Amino acid sequence: MNIQELVRDIPDFPKPGIIFKDITPLLANSEALVHCADRLAGLCPTDIKIDKVIGIEARGFILGGMIAQRLGAGFIPVRKKGKLPSKVNSKSYGLEYGEDILEIHMDAIKAGEHILIHDDVLATGGTAQAVCELVEELGGTVVQCNFIMELDFLNGREKLKTTVASLLSY
């Protein structure tokens, strides 16, 4: 199955000059959704047990939970500021078109746990880098960062000090 055919370009979103890679057609296709989750889980190392999968708000939640199920791991949502109900650790990060703050529950990760981070796209790397730092601050070890797609021309991979895997490259 060619999942790339189900990713469409939306010009000038969320602001002029950005070409947004829209995965909603992929998500709407049940066969493609299952195929994508299976392939993303298959990118994970087999020599290290993944304890928890982090899904980054919001599109990272969709496949992150599916990947966690396939790996027999727990799922942790990392959300934008003010969305989590308990005590949180926060980290600001840069986007290709702005800046924001991410939060994780302070008790989401136990020291020494092996963590897989998942999001839909790796662009500048600021979001994934911030989540890696949150994991490390809570005592976890980032095993890998997984993405549906990577925008190679933005060099986001260079910011990450861990293994990076993606299904598609642009």
Protein backbone atom coordinates (compact mmCIF):
# COMPACT_ATOMS: atom_id res chain seq x y z
CA MET A 1 0.00 0.00 0.00
CA ASN A 2 1.31 3.43 -0.93
CA ILE A 3 0.38 5.69 1.99
CA GLN A 4 2.10 8.65 0.34
CA GLU A 5 -0.82 8.82 -2.10
CA LEU A 6 -3.08 9.55 0.90
CA VAL A 7 -1.10 12.58 2.12
CA ARG A 8 -2.25 15.80 0.47
CA ASP A 9 -0.59 19.20 0.27
CA ILE A 10 -2.47 22.22 1.62
CA PRO A 11 -0.72 25.42 0.52
CA ASP A 12 -0.51 28.46 2.80
CA PHE A 13 -1.66 26.65 5.94
CA PRO A 14 -1.42 27.59 8.79
CA LYS A 15 0.16 30.72 7.30
CA PRO A 16 1.36 31.93 3.89
CA GLY A 17 4.41 30.12 2.57
CA ILE A 18 3.82 26.87 4.49
CA ILE A 19 2.80 23.76 2.55
CA PHE A 20 0.99 21.63 5.13
CA LYS A 21 1.15 17.85 4.71
CA ASP A 22 -2.40 16.71 5.55
CA ILE A 23 -2.79 13.12 6.78
CA THR A 24 -6.57 13.22 7.25
CA PRO A 25 -7.20 11.22 4.03
CA LEU A 26 -4.83 8.54 5.36
CA LEU A 27 -6.64 8.50 8.71
CA ALA A 28 -10.02 8.23 6.99
CA ASN A 29 -8.97 5.05 5.17
CA SER A 30 -9.24 2.15 7.64
CA GLU A 31 -6.93 -0.13 5.66
CA ALA A 32 -4.27 2.60 5.37
CA LEU A 33 -4.60 3.48 9.06
CA VAL A 34 -3.97 -0.12 10.16
CA HIS A 35 -1.16 -0.50 7.62
CA CYS A 36 0.49 2.70 8.84
CA ALA A 37 0.27 1.67 12.51
CA ASP A 38 1.71 -1.77 11.71
CA ARG A 39 4.60 -0.25 9.75
CA LEU A 40 5.37 2.32 12.45
CA ALA A 41 5.42 -0.39 15.13
CA GLY A 42 7.68 -2.40 12.83
CA LEU A 43 10.22 0.45 12.78
CA CYS A 44 10.82 0.00 16.52
CA PRO A 45 13.92 -1.78 17.74
CA THR A 46 13.31 -5.39 18.75
CA ASP A 47 16.23 -5.66 21.16
CA ILE A 48 14.82 -3.16 23.69
CA LYS A 49 11.42 -3.44 25.37
CA ILE A 50 9.47 -0.21 24.91
CA ASP A 51 7.70 0.56 28.19
CA LYS A 52 5.69 3.57 27.03
CA VAL A 53 4.82 5.34 23.79
CA ILE A 54 4.40 9.10 23.84
CA GLY A 55 1.97 10.64 21.39
CA ILE A 56 2.44 14.35 20.77
CA GLU A 57 -0.69 16.50 20.57
CA ALA A 58 -2.75 16.15 18.59
CA ARG A 59 -2.13 13.97 15.56
CA GLY A 60 0.47 11.93 17.45
CA PHE A 61 -2.32 10.63 19.69
CA ILE A 62 -4.06 8.78 16.88
CA LEU A 63 -1.32 6.40 15.83
CA GLY A 64 0.63 6.64 19.09
CA GLY A 65 -2.06 4.68 20.91
CA MET A 66 -2.21 2.11 18.13
CA ILE A 67 1.58 1.68 18.21
CA ALA A 68 1.54 1.30 22.01
CA GLN A 69 -1.07 -1.45 21.71
CA ARG A 70 1.02 -3.31 19.14
CA LEU A 71 4.15 -3.05 21.32
CA GLY A 72 2.38 -4.05 24.56
CA ALA A 73 3.34 -0.65 26.00
CA GLY A 74 1.54 2.09 27.88
CA PHE A 75 0.55 5.36 26.22
CA ILE A 76 1.42 8.89 27.40
CA PRO A 77 -0.18 11.99 25.90
CA VAL A 78 2.05 15.06 25.71
CA ARG A 79 -0.22 18.07 25.44
CA LYS A 80 -0.13 21.79 24.94
CA LYS A 81 -0.08 24.00 28.02
CA GLY A 82 -3.09 23.83 30.33
CA LYS A 83 -4.65 20.61 28.98
CA LEU A 84 -3.42 18.06 31.55
CA PRO A 85 -5.22 17.85 34.93
CA SER A 86 -2.41 16.82 37.29
CA LYS A 87 1.08 18.14 38.14
CA VAL A 88 3.10 18.71 34.98
CA ASN A 89 6.58 19.38 33.69
CA SER A 90 6.63 21.98 30.88
CA LYS A 91 8.95 22.81 28.00
CA SER A 92 8.76 25.58 25.42
CA TYR A 93 9.70 24.75 21.84
CA GLY A 94 9.95 26.32 18.43
CA LEU A 95 7.89 25.41 15.39
CA GLU A 96 8.62 26.20 11.76
CA TYR A 97 5.91 28.87 12.12
CA GLY A 98 5.96 29.92 15.80
CA GLU A 99 6.50 28.86 19.40
CA ASP A 100 4.46 26.92 21.99
CA ILE A 101 4.66 24.99 25.30
CA LEU A 102 4.26 21.24 25.83
CA GLU A 103 3.45 19.48 29.09
CA ILE A 104 3.67 15.95 30.47
CA HIS A 105 2.36 14.59 33.76
CA MET A 106 5.15 14.44 36.33
CA ASP A 107 4.25 10.82 37.18
CA ALA A 108 3.93 9.57 33.58
CA ILE A 109 7.41 8.04 33.41
CA LYS A 110 9.32 6.00 35.97
CA ALA A 111 13.11 6.27 36.13
CA GLY A 112 14.76 3.93 33.65
CA GLU A 113 11.71 3.35 31.45
CA HIS A 114 12.31 3.01 27.72
CA ILE A 115 10.24 5.49 25.73
CA LEU A 116 9.24 5.69 22.08
CA ILE A 117 8.14 9.14 20.92
CA HIS A 118 5.64 9.35 18.06
CA ASP A 119 4.30 12.25 16.05
CA ASP A 120 2.92 12.65 12.55
CA VAL A 121 5.68 14.81 11.10
CA LEU A 122 9.29 15.75 11.80
CA ALA A 123 9.82 19.30 10.55
CA THR A 124 12.32 21.55 12.33
CA GLY A 125 12.68 19.09 15.22
CA GLY A 126 11.74 21.57 17.93
CA THR A 127 8.69 19.67 19.13
CA ALA A 128 10.40 16.28 19.28
CA GLN A 129 13.48 17.79 20.91
CA ALA A 130 11.32 19.35 23.65
CA VAL A 131 9.60 16.01 24.28
CA CYS A 132 12.96 14.20 24.44
CA GLU A 133 14.05 16.71 27.09
CA LEU A 134 10.83 16.18 29.07
CA VAL A 135 11.39 12.40 29.02
CA GLU A 136 14.99 12.76 30.20
CA GLU A 137 14.00 15.20 32.97
CA LEU A 138 11.58 12.57 34.30
CA GLY A 139 14.28 9.86 34.25
CA GLY A 140 13.21 8.02 31.10
CA THR A 141 15.36 6.95 28.18
CA VAL A 142 14.27 7.88 24.68
CA VAL A 143 14.83 4.80 22.51
CA GLN A 144 13.57 6.27 19.26
CA CYS A 145 11.45 8.97 17.66
CA ASN A 146 8.98 7.71 15.02
CA PHE A 147 7.15 9.80 12.45
CA ILE A 148 4.80 9.16 9.59
CA MET A 149 6.78 11.66 7.53
CA GLU A 150 9.95 13.70 7.68
CA LEU A 151 10.49 17.03 5.93
CA ASP A 152 14.19 16.48 5.15
CA PHE A 153 14.81 20.02 3.90
CA LEU A 154 14.12 21.42 7.41
CA ASN A 155 16.91 19.29 8.98
CA GLY A 156 14.91 18.41 12.11
CA ARG A 157 16.76 15.11 12.52
CA GLU A 158 19.92 17.06 13.37
CA LYS A 159 18.35 18.38 16.61
CA LEU A 160 17.57 14.90 17.95
CA LYS A 161 20.14 12.86 19.86
CA THR A 162 18.37 9.56 19.30
CA THR A 163 17.42 7.18 16.53
CA VAL A 164 14.87 8.67 14.14
CA ALA A 165 12.60 6.60 11.88
CA SER A 166 9.93 7.69 9.44
CA LEU A 167 7.79 6.06 6.78
CA LEU A 168 7.89 8.93 4.28
CA SER A 169 10.45 11.60 3.40
CA TYR A 170 9.88 14.88 1.58
